[in-house]
Structures are given as C-alpha cells and as structure tokens.
Amino acid sequence: MPKRVIVGVVTSDKMQKTRRVEVSRLVKYPKYGKYVKRRTVCYAHDEENSSVVGDTVEIIESRPLSRLKRWQLVRIVAKGNLIDVAALRAVAKSAAETQAENG
C-alpha cells in the first residue's frame, strides 16, 4: 500500500526534531450543505530541525516513531513569513534612544 503524502503548515517547533503540522480541509456539513473548515493535527519527524513556525511542509506517512509521531518531513514547500514583533519593537526602541542621544 502506498504511503500518504500531505501538505500542511507547521504550528509548533518547540520540540527537538518534532514538528506539529496542521492540515486544513473543507467538509460539507450534512444538514445545511455549507462547507466548514476542519483541521487534522499531525506530528512529524524533522531530523535537521530545518522547519520553523509558519512554513508549509510536505510530510509522508511512516512507521510509528513515538506515541504521537507517525509522519516524516519530506521537504519545505514554502517558507513562512511570520514577523517577530518583539524583535521589531526592540530595534525601534534602540533606534529611538540613539536618535534622542544624538539630538
């Protein structure tokens, strides 16, 4: 039987060599016929710790690697464009302080 390959978005990279990947899909609601967004959470093995939060990744089904991990990272499809707001504020604050010192 072929292994499933799916594409999802990394939502957590806090674990070593493990990524939490969310796969979104649209499901037709039976009674009203409206399409509702649903998600599946997969834990994937990332040997090189190469992906970060916000990246779109391709994962493939594998043997059980731990209690939750059943997928392996194949490749990073697209890098995420998340911005670190705290770092931007720190840079802006230091720039304002140096400008105030210089007059």
N, C-alpha and C. Protein backbone atom coordinates (compact mmCIF):
# COMPACT_ATOMS: atom_id res chain seq x y z
N MET A 1 0.84 -1.18 0.00
CA MET A 1 0.00 0.00 0.00
C MET A 1 0.89 1.24 0.00
N PRO A 2 0.61 2.22 -0.86
CA PRO A 2 1.46 3.42 -0.91
C PRO A 2 1.28 4.29 0.33
N LYS A 3 2.35 5.01 0.65
CA LYS A 3 2.31 5.90 1.80
C LYS A 3 1.65 7.21 1.40
N ARG A 4 0.84 7.75 2.31
CA ARG A 4 0.15 9.01 2.04
C ARG A 4 1.13 10.17 2.14
N VAL A 5 0.97 11.14 1.27
CA VAL A 5 1.77 12.37 1.28
C VAL A 5 0.79 13.53 1.38
N ILE A 6 0.97 14.39 2.39
CA ILE A 6 0.07 15.53 2.57
C ILE A 6 0.89 16.80 2.78
N VAL A 7 0.23 17.93 2.57
CA VAL A 7 0.87 19.24 2.74
C VAL A 7 0.14 19.99 3.84
N GLY A 8 0.91 20.57 4.78
CA GLY A 8 0.31 21.30 5.88
C GLY A 8 1.22 22.43 6.34
N VAL A 9 0.80 23.11 7.39
CA VAL A 9 1.53 24.27 7.92
C VAL A 9 2.05 23.93 9.31
N VAL A 10 3.32 24.24 9.57
CA VAL A 10 3.93 24.00 10.88
C VAL A 10 3.36 25.00 11.87
N THR A 11 2.81 24.49 12.99
CA THR A 11 2.25 25.38 14.00
C THR A 11 3.04 25.38 15.29
N SER A 12 3.98 24.44 15.44
CA SER A 12 4.83 24.44 16.63
C SER A 12 6.17 23.81 16.29
N ASP A 13 7.24 24.47 16.76
CA ASP A 13 8.59 23.92 16.57
C ASP A 13 9.35 23.91 17.89
N LYS A 14 8.63 23.79 19.00
CA LYS A 14 9.25 23.87 20.32
C LYS A 14 9.93 22.57 20.74
N MET A 15 9.61 21.47 20.06
CA MET A 15 10.23 20.18 20.39
C MET A 15 11.42 19.93 19.49
N GLN A 16 12.39 19.19 19.99
CA GLN A 16 13.55 18.86 19.18
C GLN A 16 13.19 17.76 18.19
N LYS A 17 13.47 18.00 16.92
CA LYS A 17 13.26 17.04 15.83
C LYS A 17 11.80 16.64 15.65
N THR A 18 10.87 17.42 16.18
CA THR A 18 9.45 17.14 16.02
C THR A 18 8.74 18.43 15.66
N ARG A 19 7.81 18.34 14.72
CA ARG A 19 7.03 19.50 14.30
C ARG A 19 5.55 19.15 14.37
N ARG A 20 4.75 20.11 14.83
CA ARG A 20 3.30 19.95 14.83
C ARG A 20 2.79 20.57 13.54
N VAL A 21 2.15 19.77 12.71
CA VAL A 21 1.70 20.21 11.39
C VAL A 21 0.18 20.13 11.34
N GLU A 22 -0.45 21.24 10.93
CA GLU A 22 -1.90 21.26 10.77
C GLU A 22 -2.25 21.17 9.29
N VAL A 23 -3.16 20.26 8.98
CA VAL A 23 -3.63 20.07 7.62
C VAL A 23 -5.10 20.49 7.60
N SER A 24 -5.41 21.55 6.83
CA SER A 24 -6.79 22.05 6.74
C SER A 24 -7.51 21.41 5.56
N ARG A 25 -8.83 21.25 5.72
CA ARG A 25 -9.64 20.70 4.65
C ARG A 25 -11.05 21.27 4.77
N LEU A 26 -11.80 21.25 3.69
CA LEU A 26 -13.19 21.69 3.71
C LEU A 26 -14.10 20.47 3.69
N VAL A 27 -15.08 20.46 4.60
CA VAL A 27 -16.02 19.35 4.71
C VAL A 27 -17.43 19.90 4.56
N LYS A 28 -18.24 19.22 3.77
CA LYS A 28 -19.62 19.66 3.58
C LYS A 28 -20.45 19.26 4.79
N TYR A 29 -21.09 20.24 5.42
CA TYR A 29 -21.93 19.98 6.57
C TYR A 29 -23.19 19.26 6.10
N PRO A 30 -23.53 18.11 6.70
CA PRO A 30 -24.58 17.27 6.14
C PRO A 30 -25.97 17.91 6.07
N LYS A 31 -26.38 18.62 7.12
CA LYS A 31 -27.74 19.13 7.16
C LYS A 31 -27.95 20.34 6.26
N TYR A 32 -27.01 21.28 6.30
CA TYR A 32 -27.21 22.54 5.59
C TYR A 32 -26.44 22.64 4.28
N GLY A 33 -25.48 21.77 4.06
CA GLY A 33 -24.73 21.80 2.82
C GLY A 33 -23.63 22.85 2.77
N LYS A 34 -23.44 23.54 3.88
CA LYS A 34 -22.39 24.56 3.93
C LYS A 34 -21.03 23.89 4.11
N TYR A 35 -19.99 24.46 3.51
CA TYR A 35 -18.65 23.91 3.67
C TYR A 35 -18.00 24.52 4.90
N VAL A 36 -17.49 23.66 5.76
CA VAL A 36 -16.88 24.06 7.03
C VAL A 36 -15.41 23.67 7.02
N LYS A 37 -14.58 24.53 7.55
CA LYS A 37 -13.15 24.25 7.59
C LYS A 37 -12.84 23.35 8.79
N ARG A 38 -12.17 22.25 8.53
CA ARG A 38 -11.74 21.33 9.58
C ARG A 38 -10.23 21.19 9.50
N ARG A 39 -9.61 20.70 10.56
CA ARG A 39 -8.16 20.52 10.55
C ARG A 39 -7.78 19.19 11.16
N THR A 40 -6.64 18.70 10.75
CA THR A 40 -6.05 17.49 11.30
C THR A 40 -4.65 17.86 11.79
N VAL A 41 -4.33 17.43 12.99
CA VAL A 41 -3.01 17.72 13.55
C VAL A 41 -2.15 16.47 13.44
N CYS A 42 -0.97 16.62 12.82
CA CYS A 42 -0.03 15.52 12.67
C CYS A 42 1.29 15.94 13.30
N TYR A 43 1.94 15.01 13.94
CA TYR A 43 3.28 15.26 14.47
C TYR A 43 4.28 14.59 13.54
N ALA A 44 5.21 15.39 13.04
CA ALA A 44 6.15 14.91 12.03
C ALA A 44 7.58 14.98 12.54
N HIS A 45 8.39 14.03 12.09
CA HIS A 45 9.81 13.97 12.46
C HIS A 45 10.61 14.84 11.49
N ASP A 46 11.38 15.79 12.06
CA ASP A 46 12.23 16.70 11.27
C ASP A 46 13.66 16.52 11.78
N GLU A 47 14.42 15.67 11.12
CA GLU A 47 15.75 15.29 11.59
C GLU A 47 16.70 16.48 11.74
N GLU A 48 16.69 17.42 10.79
CA GLU A 48 17.64 18.54 10.81
C GLU A 48 17.10 19.78 11.52
N ASN A 49 15.90 19.73 12.07
CA ASN A 49 15.26 20.91 12.67
C ASN A 49 15.25 22.08 11.68
N SER A 50 14.95 21.80 10.43
CA SER A 50 15.04 22.82 9.38
C SER A 50 13.79 23.67 9.24
N SER A 51 12.64 23.19 9.66
CA SER A 51 11.40 23.96 9.50
C SER A 51 11.12 24.78 10.75
N VAL A 52 10.40 25.88 10.54
CA VAL A 52 10.01 26.75 11.65
C VAL A 52 8.51 27.03 11.55
N VAL A 53 7.96 27.70 12.55
CA VAL A 53 6.53 28.00 12.57
C VAL A 53 6.15 28.85 11.36
N GLY A 54 5.08 28.46 10.69
CA GLY A 54 4.59 29.20 9.53
C GLY A 54 5.00 28.59 8.20
N ASP A 55 5.96 27.66 8.21
CA ASP A 55 6.39 27.03 6.97
C ASP A 55 5.33 26.06 6.47
N THR A 56 5.16 26.00 5.15
CA THR A 56 4.32 25.00 4.53
C THR A 56 5.22 23.82 4.17
N VAL A 57 4.87 22.63 4.68
CA VAL A 57 5.74 21.47 4.52
C VAL A 57 4.97 20.31 3.92
N GLU A 58 5.73 19.40 3.33
CA GLU A 58 5.18 18.15 2.79
C GLU A 58 5.64 17.03 3.71
N ILE A 59 4.69 16.22 4.18
CA ILE A 59 5.04 15.12 5.08
C ILE A 59 4.53 13.81 4.50
N ILE A 60 5.20 12.73 4.89
CA ILE A 60 4.85 11.40 4.39
C ILE A 60 4.61 10.47 5.58
N GLU A 61 3.68 9.56 5.38
CA GLU A 61 3.35 8.59 6.41
C GLU A 61 4.54 7.67 6.68
N SER A 62 4.76 7.31 7.94
CA SER A 62 5.88 6.42 8.27
C SER A 62 5.46 5.48 9.40
N ARG A 63 6.41 4.66 9.79
CA ARG A 63 6.15 3.77 10.92
C ARG A 63 6.04 4.62 12.19
N PRO A 64 5.43 4.10 13.26
CA PRO A 64 5.36 4.86 14.50
C PRO A 64 6.76 5.15 15.06
N LEU A 65 7.05 6.42 15.26
CA LEU A 65 8.34 6.84 15.79
C LEU A 65 8.27 7.13 17.28
N SER A 66 7.10 7.48 17.77
CA SER A 66 6.86 7.69 19.19
C SER A 66 5.37 7.55 19.43
N ARG A 67 4.90 7.99 20.59
CA ARG A 67 3.49 7.83 20.91
C ARG A 67 2.60 8.61 19.94
N LEU A 68 3.04 9.80 19.50
CA LEU A 68 2.24 10.63 18.60
C LEU A 68 2.79 10.72 17.18
N LYS A 69 4.10 10.55 17.00
CA LYS A 69 4.70 10.78 15.68
C LYS A 69 4.48 9.60 14.74
N ARG A 70 3.79 9.89 13.61
CA ARG A 70 3.53 8.89 12.59
C ARG A 70 3.87 9.41 11.20
N TRP A 71 4.54 10.57 11.12
CA TRP A 71 4.85 11.21 9.85
C TRP A 71 6.30 11.66 9.84
N GLN A 72 6.86 11.81 8.64
CA GLN A 72 8.22 12.34 8.48
C GLN A 72 8.19 13.50 7.50
N LEU A 73 9.02 14.50 7.78
CA LEU A 73 9.10 15.66 6.91
C LEU A 73 9.85 15.30 5.63
N VAL A 74 9.26 15.59 4.47
CA VAL A 74 9.90 15.32 3.19
C VAL A 74 10.66 16.55 2.71
N ARG A 75 9.94 17.69 2.65
CA ARG A 75 10.57 18.93 2.19
C ARG A 75 9.76 20.11 2.66
N ILE A 76 10.38 21.28 2.60
CA ILE A 76 9.70 22.53 2.91
C ILE A 76 9.21 23.11 1.59
N VAL A 77 7.90 23.21 1.44
CA VAL A 77 7.30 23.70 0.20
C VAL A 77 7.48 25.21 0.10
N ALA A 78 7.18 25.94 1.18
CA ALA A 78 7.31 27.40 1.18
C ALA A 78 7.67 27.86 2.59
N LYS A 79 8.57 28.83 2.67
CA LYS A 79 8.95 29.38 3.96
C LYS A 79 7.85 30.33 4.43
N GLY A 80 7.61 30.34 5.74
CA GLY A 80 6.60 31.23 6.31
C GLY A 80 7.10 32.66 6.37
N ASN A 81 6.17 33.59 6.47
CA ASN A 81 6.54 34.99 6.54
C ASN A 81 6.07 35.61 7.86
N LEU A 82 6.24 34.89 8.96
CA LEU A 82 5.87 35.41 10.26
C LEU A 82 6.92 36.42 10.71
N ILE A 83 6.46 37.46 11.38
CA ILE A 83 7.34 38.54 11.83
C ILE A 83 7.44 38.48 13.34
N ASP A 84 8.66 38.59 13.86
CA ASP A 84 8.88 38.62 15.30
C ASP A 84 8.63 40.05 15.79
N VAL A 85 7.46 40.27 16.38
CA VAL A 85 7.05 41.61 16.79
C VAL A 85 7.93 42.12 17.92
N ALA A 86 8.31 41.26 18.85
CA ALA A 86 9.14 41.69 19.97
C ALA A 86 10.50 42.20 19.48
N ALA A 87 11.07 41.52 18.50
CA ALA A 87 12.36 41.95 17.96
C ALA A 87 12.23 43.29 17.24
N LEU A 88 11.14 43.48 16.50
CA LEU A 88 10.91 44.76 15.82
C LEU A 88 10.78 45.90 16.81
N ARG A 89 10.07 45.66 17.91
CA ARG A 89 9.90 46.70 18.93
C ARG A 89 11.24 47.04 19.58
N ALA A 90 12.06 46.03 19.84
CA ALA A 90 13.37 46.27 20.45
C ALA A 90 14.25 47.10 19.53
N VAL A 91 14.23 46.81 18.24
CA VAL A 91 15.04 47.57 17.28
C VAL A 91 14.54 49.01 17.19
N ALA A 92 13.23 49.18 17.15
CA ALA A 92 12.66 50.53 17.08
C ALA A 92 12.98 51.33 18.34
N LYS A 93 12.93 50.67 19.49
CA LYS A 93 13.23 51.34 20.75
C LYS A 93 14.69 51.77 20.80
N SER A 94 15.61 50.89 20.39
CA SER A 94 17.02 51.24 20.43
C SER A 94 17.34 52.35 19.40
N ALA A 95 16.65 52.33 18.27
CA ALA A 95 16.85 53.39 17.27
C ALA A 95 16.35 54.73 17.81
N ALA A 96 15.23 54.72 18.53
CA ALA A 96 14.70 55.95 19.10
C ALA A 96 15.63 56.50 20.19
N GLU A 97 16.21 55.58 20.97
CA GLU A 97 17.13 56.01 22.04
C GLU A 97 18.40 56.63 21.47
N THR A 98 18.96 56.03 20.43
CA THR A 98 20.17 56.58 19.82
C THR A 98 19.87 57.91 19.14
N GLN A 99 18.68 58.06 18.57
CA GLN A 99 18.31 59.31 17.94
C GLN A 99 18.13 60.42 19.00
N ALA A 100 17.60 60.06 20.17
CA ALA A 100 17.41 61.02 21.25
C ALA A 100 18.76 61.46 21.82
N GLU A 101 19.71 60.52 21.90
CA GLU A 101 21.04 60.84 22.41
C GLU A 101 21.78 61.78 21.46
N ASN A 102 21.62 61.56 20.17
CA ASN A 102 22.32 62.38 19.17
C ASN A 102 21.67 63.75 18.98
N GLY A 103 20.45 63.86 19.44
CA GLY A 103 19.82 65.18 19.37
C GLY A 103 18.88 65.26 18.29
